[in-house]
Protein backbone atom coordinates (compact mmCIF):
# COMPACT_ATOMS: atom_id res chain seq x y z
CA ARG A 1 -3.65 23.95 1.17
CA SER A 2 -2.49 25.15 -2.24
CA ILE A 3 0.86 23.38 -1.79
CA VAL A 4 -0.85 20.04 -1.21
CA GLU A 5 -3.32 20.60 -4.03
CA SER A 6 -0.56 21.36 -6.51
CA ALA A 7 1.45 18.32 -5.36
CA LEU A 8 -1.57 16.04 -5.80
CA LEU A 9 -3.14 17.54 -8.92
CA ASP A 10 -2.30 14.66 -11.27
CA THR A 11 -3.18 12.09 -8.62
CA MET A 12 -6.60 13.63 -8.03
CA TYR A 13 -7.45 13.27 -11.71
CA ASP A 14 -6.19 9.67 -11.82
CA LEU A 15 -7.90 8.43 -8.63
CA PRO A 16 -11.37 7.68 -10.07
CA SER A 17 -9.90 5.22 -12.57
CA LEU A 18 -7.68 3.37 -10.08
CA ASN A 19 -9.22 0.11 -8.84
CA ASN A 20 -8.53 -1.38 -5.40
CA LEU A 21 -6.70 1.70 -4.15
CA ALA A 22 -6.44 1.67 -0.35
CA LYS A 23 -4.58 4.93 0.28
CA VAL A 24 -2.32 7.62 -1.08
CA VAL A 25 0.78 8.31 1.01
CA VAL A 26 2.12 11.86 0.91
CA ASP A 27 5.47 12.39 2.60
CA GLU A 28 8.04 15.17 2.56
CA THR A 29 9.53 14.04 -0.77
CA VAL A 30 6.19 14.59 -2.48
CA ILE A 31 6.05 18.18 -1.25
CA ASN A 32 9.73 19.16 -1.21
CA ASP A 33 11.15 17.18 -4.14
CA GLN A 34 8.02 16.96 -6.30
CA HIS A 35 8.02 13.14 -6.29
CA ALA A 36 4.83 11.24 -7.02
CA PRO A 37 2.88 10.07 -3.96
CA GLN A 38 2.98 6.40 -3.04
CA LEU A 39 -0.18 4.50 -3.98
CA GLU A 40 -1.10 1.51 -1.82
CA TYR A 41 -3.59 -1.02 -3.14
CA LYS A 42 -5.90 -3.52 -1.44
CA ASN A 43 -5.15 -7.20 -1.98
C-alpha cells in the first residue's frame, strides 16, 4: 500500500482540479521507474 501511495502522491493532490478525467493508469513503469501515471480523459 505504501508503495502505491508514494507513487501516486502528486497525482492524488492534482486529481480534484482535473476536469473530465476518466481514469488513472498505473503500470509497472510508475512503480519501478517512478514515471508519472497515464491520465485518460473523457471526450
